[in-house]
Amino acid sequence: MTFEKAEEIATDVLLHLIREPELIGRFLAVSGIGPESIRSAAAEPGFLAGVLEFMMGDEPLLLAYCENSGLRPTMIAAARFALVGDEADHV
């Protein structure tokens, strides 16, 4: 998967979260950012990977999103990997 495709998937996941007040509220609480700073946070390296990690951490949410978007759940994991690579390589 290309980095660009991974960004596209992660951005779509973020938009999905934003459309659902309960979901974006949970995401913001977990990530520790406020709603007023989501745009600036989205420009930070790793933010979109964090969006995908949030999605992968909630199986019912992940499966519902994948069903609606036509993606396999493994594509979410592949997109996350494309965004950050293997973190063990950075240690």
C-alpha atoms as a PDB file:
ATOM      1  CA  MET A   1       0.000   0.000   0.000  1.00  0.00           C
ATOM      2  CA  THR A   2       1.301   3.435  -0.843  1.00  0.00           C
ATOM      3  CA  PHE A   3       1.705   6.168   1.729  1.00  0.00           C
ATOM      4  CA  GLU A   4      -0.809   8.280  -0.207  1.00  0.00           C
ATOM      5  CA  LYS A   5      -3.450   5.509  -0.177  1.00  0.00           C
ATOM      6  CA  ALA A   6      -2.863   5.034   3.549  1.00  0.00           C
ATOM      7  CA  GLU A   7      -3.375   8.761   4.125  1.00  0.00           C
ATOM      8  CA  GLU A   8      -6.579   8.605   2.090  1.00  0.00           C
ATOM      9  CA  ILE A   9      -7.927   5.719   4.186  1.00  0.00           C
ATOM     10  CA  ALA A  10      -6.935   7.367   7.474  1.00  0.00           C
ATOM     11  CA  THR A  11      -8.507  10.667   6.435  1.00  0.00           C
ATOM     12  CA  ASP A  12     -11.724   8.867   5.557  1.00  0.00           C
ATOM     13  CA  VAL A  13     -11.690   7.161   8.966  1.00  0.00           C
ATOM     14  CA  LEU A  14     -11.186  10.557  10.634  1.00  0.00           C
ATOM     15  CA  LEU A  15     -14.121  12.008   8.682  1.00  0.00           C
ATOM     16  CA  HIS A  16     -16.215   9.025   9.753  1.00  0.00           C
ATOM     17  CA  LEU A  17     -15.367   9.756  13.390  1.00  0.00           C
ATOM     18  CA  ILE A  18     -16.104  13.471  13.003  1.00  0.00           C
ATOM     19  CA  ARG A  19     -19.574  12.736  11.612  1.00  0.00           C
ATOM     20  CA  GLU A  20     -20.464  10.862  14.805  1.00  0.00           C
ATOM     21  CA  PRO A  21     -20.320  13.104  17.913  1.00  0.00           C
ATOM     22  CA  GLU A  22     -19.993  10.153  20.308  1.00  0.00           C
ATOM     23  CA  LEU A  23     -17.125   8.637  18.320  1.00  0.00           C
ATOM     24  CA  ILE A  24     -15.163  11.851  17.917  1.00  0.00           C
ATOM     25  CA  GLY A  25     -15.699  12.547  21.608  1.00  0.00           C
ATOM     26  CA  ARG A  26     -14.193   9.170  22.512  1.00  0.00           C
ATOM     27  CA  PHE A  27     -11.319   9.688  20.100  1.00  0.00           C
ATOM     28  CA  LEU A  28     -10.528  13.134  21.487  1.00  0.00           C
ATOM     29  CA  ALA A  29     -10.670  11.814  25.057  1.00  0.00           C
ATOM     30  CA  VAL A  30      -8.307   8.946  24.246  1.00  0.00           C
ATOM     31  CA  SER A  31      -5.918  11.087  22.212  1.00  0.00           C
ATOM     32  CA  GLY A  32      -5.899  13.923  24.725  1.00  0.00           C
ATOM     33  CA  ILE A  33      -6.492  16.658  22.181  1.00  0.00           C
ATOM     34  CA  GLY A  34      -9.292  19.175  22.207  1.00  0.00           C
ATOM     35  CA  PRO A  35     -11.768  19.727  19.402  1.00  0.00           C
ATOM     36  CA  GLU A  36     -10.270  23.150  18.721  1.00  0.00           C
ATOM     37  CA  SER A  37      -6.867  21.648  17.970  1.00  0.00           C
ATOM     38  CA  ILE A  38      -7.853  18.704  15.773  1.00  0.00           C
ATOM     39  CA  ARG A  39      -6.846  20.505  12.550  1.00  0.00           C
ATOM     40  CA  SER A  40      -3.380  21.340  13.806  1.00  0.00           C
ATOM     41  CA  ALA A  41      -2.970  17.863  15.304  1.00  0.00           C
ATOM     42  CA  ALA A  42      -3.902  16.304  11.970  1.00  0.00           C
ATOM     43  CA  ALA A  43      -0.792  17.880  10.461  1.00  0.00           C
ATOM     44  CA  GLU A  44       1.463  16.201  13.029  1.00  0.00           C
ATOM     45  CA  PRO A  45       3.392  13.073  12.057  1.00  0.00           C
ATOM     46  CA  GLY A  46       1.716   9.992  13.446  1.00  0.00           C
ATOM     47  CA  PHE A  47      -1.704  11.561  13.961  1.00  0.00           C
ATOM     48  CA  LEU A  48      -3.372   9.660  11.123  1.00  0.00           C
ATOM     49  CA  ALA A  49      -1.750   6.441  12.309  1.00  0.00           C
ATOM     50  CA  GLY A  50      -3.266   7.165  15.730  1.00  0.00           C
ATOM     51  CA  VAL A  51      -6.677   7.542  14.100  1.00  0.00           C
ATOM     52  CA  LEU A  52      -6.279   4.089  12.583  1.00  0.00           C
ATOM     53  CA  GLU A  53      -5.038   2.636  15.872  1.00  0.00           C
ATOM     54  CA  PHE A  54      -8.132   4.021  17.595  1.00  0.00           C
ATOM     55  CA  MET A  55     -10.323   2.353  14.972  1.00  0.00           C
ATOM     56  CA  MET A  56      -8.465  -0.964  15.283  1.00  0.00           C
ATOM     57  CA  GLY A  57      -8.859  -0.872  19.066  1.00  0.00           C
ATOM     58  CA  ASP A  58     -12.656  -1.087  18.800  1.00  0.00           C
ATOM     59  CA  GLU A  59     -13.603  -4.204  16.854  1.00  0.00           C
ATOM     60  CA  PRO A  60     -17.338  -3.431  16.461  1.00  0.00           C
ATOM     61  CA  LEU A  61     -16.479   0.067  15.231  1.00  0.00           C
ATOM     62  CA  LEU A  62     -13.813  -1.314  12.884  1.00  0.00           C
ATOM     63  CA  LEU A  63     -16.110  -3.941  11.413  1.00  0.00           C
ATOM     64  CA  ALA A  64     -18.991  -1.487  10.944  1.00  0.00           C
ATOM     65  CA  TYR A  65     -16.702   1.022   9.243  1.00  0.00           C
ATOM     66  CA  CYS A  66     -15.219  -1.630   6.977  1.00  0.00           C
ATOM     67  CA  GLU A  67     -18.634  -2.935   6.001  1.00  0.00           C
ATOM     68  CA  ASN A  68     -19.822   0.567   5.097  1.00  0.00           C
ATOM     69  CA  SER A  69     -16.633   1.525   3.260  1.00  0.00           C
ATOM     70  CA  GLY A  70     -16.077  -1.744   1.422  1.00  0.00           C
ATOM     71  CA  LEU A  71     -12.622  -2.230   2.944  1.00  0.00           C
ATOM     72  CA  ARG A  72     -11.321  -5.351   4.632  1.00  0.00           C
ATOM     73  CA  PRO A  73     -10.180  -4.832   8.246  1.00  0.00           C
ATOM     74  CA  THR A  74      -6.691  -5.880   7.192  1.00  0.00           C
ATOM     75  CA  MET A  75      -6.567  -2.809   4.952  1.00  0.00           C
ATOM     76  CA  ILE A  76      -6.841  -0.591   8.035  1.00  0.00           C
ATOM     77  CA  ALA A  77      -3.837  -2.367   9.570  1.00  0.00           C
ATOM     78  CA  ALA A  78      -1.942  -2.145   6.269  1.00  0.00           C
ATOM     79  CA  ALA A  79      -2.666   1.580   6.077  1.00  0.00           C
ATOM     80  CA  ARG A  80      -1.389   2.096   9.613  1.00  0.00           C
ATOM     81  CA  PHE A  81       1.774   0.188   8.767  1.00  0.00           C
ATOM     82  CA  ALA A  82       2.257   2.249   5.604  1.00  0.00           C
ATOM     83  CA  LEU A  83       2.013   5.445   7.657  1.00  0.00           C
ATOM     84  CA  VAL A  84       4.500   4.522  10.385  1.00  0.00           C
ATOM     85  CA  GLY A  85       6.280   1.365   9.279  1.00  0.00           C
ATOM     86  CA  ASP A  86       7.578  -1.126  11.777  1.00  0.00           C
ATOM     87  CA  GLU A  87       8.237   0.807  14.972  1.00  0.00           C
ATOM     88  CA  ALA A  88      10.821  -1.808  15.947  1.00  0.00           C
ATOM     89  CA  ASP A  89      12.945  -0.427  13.121  1.00  0.00           C
ATOM     90  CA  HIS A  90      13.080   2.912  14.953  1.00  0.00           C
ATOM     91  CA  VAL A  91      14.273   1.567  18.318  1.00  0.00           C
END
